[in-house]
Protein backbone atom coordinates (compact mmCIF):
# COMPACT_ATOMS: atom_id res chain seq x y z
CA ALA A 1 50.64 185.73 9.31
CA GLU A 2 51.61 183.21 11.96
CA PRO A 3 48.77 180.92 13.02
CA ASN A 4 47.66 180.82 16.67
CA ARG A 5 47.01 177.64 18.72
CA LEU A 6 43.69 176.98 16.97
CA ILE A 7 45.60 175.71 13.93
CA LYS A 8 45.90 172.35 15.75
CA GLU A 9 42.12 172.02 16.28
CA LYS A 10 39.71 169.82 14.30
CA SER A 11 36.67 172.11 14.35
CA PRO A 12 36.17 174.03 11.06
CA TYR A 13 34.90 176.99 13.14
CA LEU A 14 38.04 177.13 15.29
CA LEU A 15 40.20 176.74 12.18
CA GLN A 16 38.48 179.84 10.72
CA HIS A 17 40.08 181.77 13.61
CA ALA A 18 43.53 180.17 13.39
CA TYR A 19 45.04 183.15 11.57
CA ASN A 20 43.43 185.86 13.73
CA PRO A 21 45.94 188.17 15.43
CA VAL A 22 44.06 187.37 18.68
CA ASP A 23 46.17 184.90 20.65
CA TRP A 24 43.33 182.35 20.93
CA TYR A 25 43.48 179.25 23.07
CA PRO A 26 41.11 176.31 22.72
CA TRP A 27 39.07 175.54 25.89
CA GLY A 28 41.33 173.77 28.34
CA GLU A 29 43.51 173.93 31.42
CA GLU A 30 46.41 175.62 29.59
CA ALA A 31 44.45 178.83 29.08
CA PHE A 32 43.17 179.03 32.68
CA GLU A 33 46.65 178.25 33.99
CA LYS A 34 48.08 181.15 31.98
CA ALA A 35 45.29 183.44 33.23
CA ARG A 36 46.07 182.51 36.84
CA LYS A 37 49.80 182.94 36.37
CA GLU A 38 49.46 186.36 34.69
CA ASN A 39 46.42 187.40 36.76
CA LYS A 40 44.32 188.24 33.70
CA PRO A 41 40.63 187.77 33.08
CA VAL A 42 39.56 185.21 30.48
CA PHE A 43 37.68 186.35 27.37
CA LEU A 44 35.56 183.42 26.20
CA SER A 45 33.98 183.69 22.77
CA ILE A 46 31.54 180.98 21.64
CA GLY A 47 30.17 180.71 18.12
CA TYR A 48 29.65 178.34 15.22
CA SER A 49 30.58 178.30 11.57
CA THR A 50 27.25 179.33 9.99
CA CYS A 51 26.52 182.17 12.45
CA HIS A 52 26.28 185.53 10.65
CA TRP A 53 27.03 187.78 13.64
CA CYS A 54 29.94 185.53 14.65
CA HIS A 55 31.50 186.21 11.24
CA MET A 56 30.74 189.92 11.53
CA MET A 57 32.43 190.19 14.91
CA ALA A 58 35.38 188.07 13.76
CA HIS A 59 35.84 190.25 10.70
CA GLU A 60 35.48 193.57 12.55
CA SER A 61 37.34 192.75 15.74
CA PHE A 62 39.16 189.42 15.90
CA GLU A 63 40.87 189.98 12.52
CA ASP A 64 41.69 193.57 13.46
CA GLU A 65 45.25 194.21 14.67
CA GLU A 66 44.23 197.06 16.99
CA VAL A 67 41.45 195.15 18.75
CA ALA A 68 43.56 191.98 18.90
CA GLY A 69 46.46 193.93 20.43
CA LEU A 70 44.19 195.24 23.20
CA MET A 71 42.71 191.77 23.78
CA ASN A 72 46.12 190.09 23.92
CA GLU A 73 47.29 192.61 26.49
CA ALA A 74 44.18 192.47 28.68
CA PHE A 75 42.99 188.87 28.46
CA VAL A 76 43.71 185.24 27.92
CA SER A 77 41.27 184.55 25.06
CA ILE A 78 39.46 181.27 24.44
CA LYS A 79 37.46 180.32 21.35
CA VAL A 80 34.80 177.60 21.55
CA ASP A 81 32.71 175.98 18.80
CA ARG A 82 29.25 175.44 20.29
CA GLU A 83 28.66 172.51 17.92
CA GLU A 84 31.76 170.78 19.29
CA ARG A 85 31.18 171.73 22.96
CA PRO A 86 27.42 172.12 23.59
CA ASP A 87 28.15 171.50 27.29
CA ILE A 88 30.23 174.69 27.60
CA ASP A 89 27.78 176.60 25.41
CA ASN A 90 24.84 175.60 27.66
CA ILE A 91 26.56 176.78 30.83
CA TYR A 92 27.58 180.17 29.45
CA MET A 93 24.33 180.74 27.56
CA THR A 94 22.57 180.40 30.94
CA VAL A 95 25.07 182.91 32.38
CA CYS A 96 24.36 185.33 29.54
CA GLN A 97 20.58 185.04 29.90
CA ILE A 98 20.86 185.71 33.64
CA ILE A 99 23.21 188.71 33.24
CA LEU A 100 21.69 190.25 30.09
CA GLY A 101 18.16 188.86 30.12
CA ARG A 102 18.72 187.44 26.62
CA GLY A 103 21.16 185.25 24.76
CA GLY A 104 22.56 184.71 21.31
CA TRP A 105 25.74 184.15 19.35
CA PRO A 106 28.48 185.10 19.26
CA LEU A 107 28.41 184.61 22.99
CA ASN A 108 31.17 186.57 24.74
CA ILE A 109 31.83 186.06 28.43
CA ILE A 110 34.56 187.65 30.52
CA MET A 111 35.44 185.72 33.65
CA THR A 112 38.03 185.37 36.38
CA PRO A 113 40.83 182.79 36.00
CA GLY A 114 38.67 180.72 38.39
CA LYS A 115 35.92 180.58 35.71
CA LYS A 116 33.58 182.99 37.50
CA PRO A 117 31.85 185.27 34.97
CA PHE A 118 31.44 189.02 35.49
CA PHE A 119 30.53 190.26 31.98
CA ALA A 120 28.38 188.84 29.19
CA GLY A 121 27.64 190.11 25.71
CA THR A 122 26.54 188.80 22.35
CA TYR A 123 27.69 190.64 19.22
CA ILE A 124 29.92 193.55 20.25
CA PRO A 125 30.81 196.04 17.49
CA LYS A 126 34.38 197.23 17.00
CA ASN A 127 33.42 200.86 17.63
CA THR A 128 30.85 202.13 20.11
CA ARG A 129 27.56 202.91 18.37
CA PHE A 130 23.77 202.95 19.01
CA ASN A 131 24.42 203.06 22.78
CA GLN A 132 26.40 199.84 22.51
CA ILE A 133 29.98 199.86 23.72
CA GLY A 134 32.51 198.71 21.14
CA MET A 135 35.53 196.48 21.63
CA LEU A 136 37.97 199.41 21.32
CA GLU A 137 36.39 200.97 24.40
CA LEU A 138 35.28 197.85 26.26
CA VAL A 139 38.61 196.04 26.41
CA PRO A 140 40.64 198.90 27.96
CA ARG A 141 37.75 199.61 30.36
CA ILE A 142 37.63 196.01 31.59
CA LYS A 143 41.42 195.95 31.92
CA GLU A 144 41.29 199.12 34.02
CA ILE A 145 38.47 197.84 36.24
CA TRP A 146 40.28 194.49 36.66
CA GLU A 147 43.45 196.28 37.77
CA GLN A 148 41.97 199.12 39.82
CA GLN A 149 38.79 197.60 41.30
CA HIS A 150 39.96 194.03 41.50
CA GLU A 151 38.15 193.15 44.75
CA GLU A 152 34.84 194.53 43.46
CA VAL A 153 35.18 192.49 40.24
CA LEU A 154 35.88 189.29 42.19
CA ASP A 155 32.99 190.07 44.50
CA SER A 156 30.61 190.63 41.60
CA ALA A 157 31.78 187.42 39.87
CA GLU A 158 31.19 185.55 43.13
CA LYS A 159 27.61 186.90 43.41
CA ILE A 160 26.79 186.11 39.77
CA THR A 161 28.16 182.58 40.17
CA SER A 162 26.15 181.84 43.31
CA THR A 163 22.96 183.27 41.73
CA ILE A 164 23.46 181.01 38.74
CA GLN A 165 24.10 177.96 40.92
CA GLU A 166 20.89 178.68 42.88
CA MET A 167 18.84 179.02 39.69
CA ILE A 168 20.25 175.79 38.26
CA LYS A 169 19.43 173.98 41.52
CA GLU A 170 15.87 175.27 41.50
CA SER A 171 15.24 174.37 37.87
CA SER A 172 16.63 170.85 38.25
CA GLY A 173 15.05 170.08 41.60
């Protein structure tokens, strides 16, 4: 298998994902630039090397050709090691707690190319089960909503972002 961009990273966690069929980017301008250019949402996945559910999700979905194919078509995907970037983890964990009412890892956020989140999840199974949507269903659904209800998605991302900014202001002031 050909490695993806994570092969150049220093983090052991990111290196664990370097041979995934998912076309991962490290956090950085290059990924957001590509998302803007191709008008695709960004799939951000945050984890760390000793996290059990991170490994489960990686094994079930990120190492899976079918899931990876769907992700590569629908998203620009970014992998972050929370131990290397606690700053990014803190921001998106707050987002997840506001959207879902709880947090945890792996932390998966889907956002606009302008970094405005509209979906948050923790562990997402490959296949839908126990009333929890799986990646095989979720990814095509998000792609469809992004393409067919684009304005509504941007609107929702805008509302979520301003809610989060308000809450951060209140808690710090």
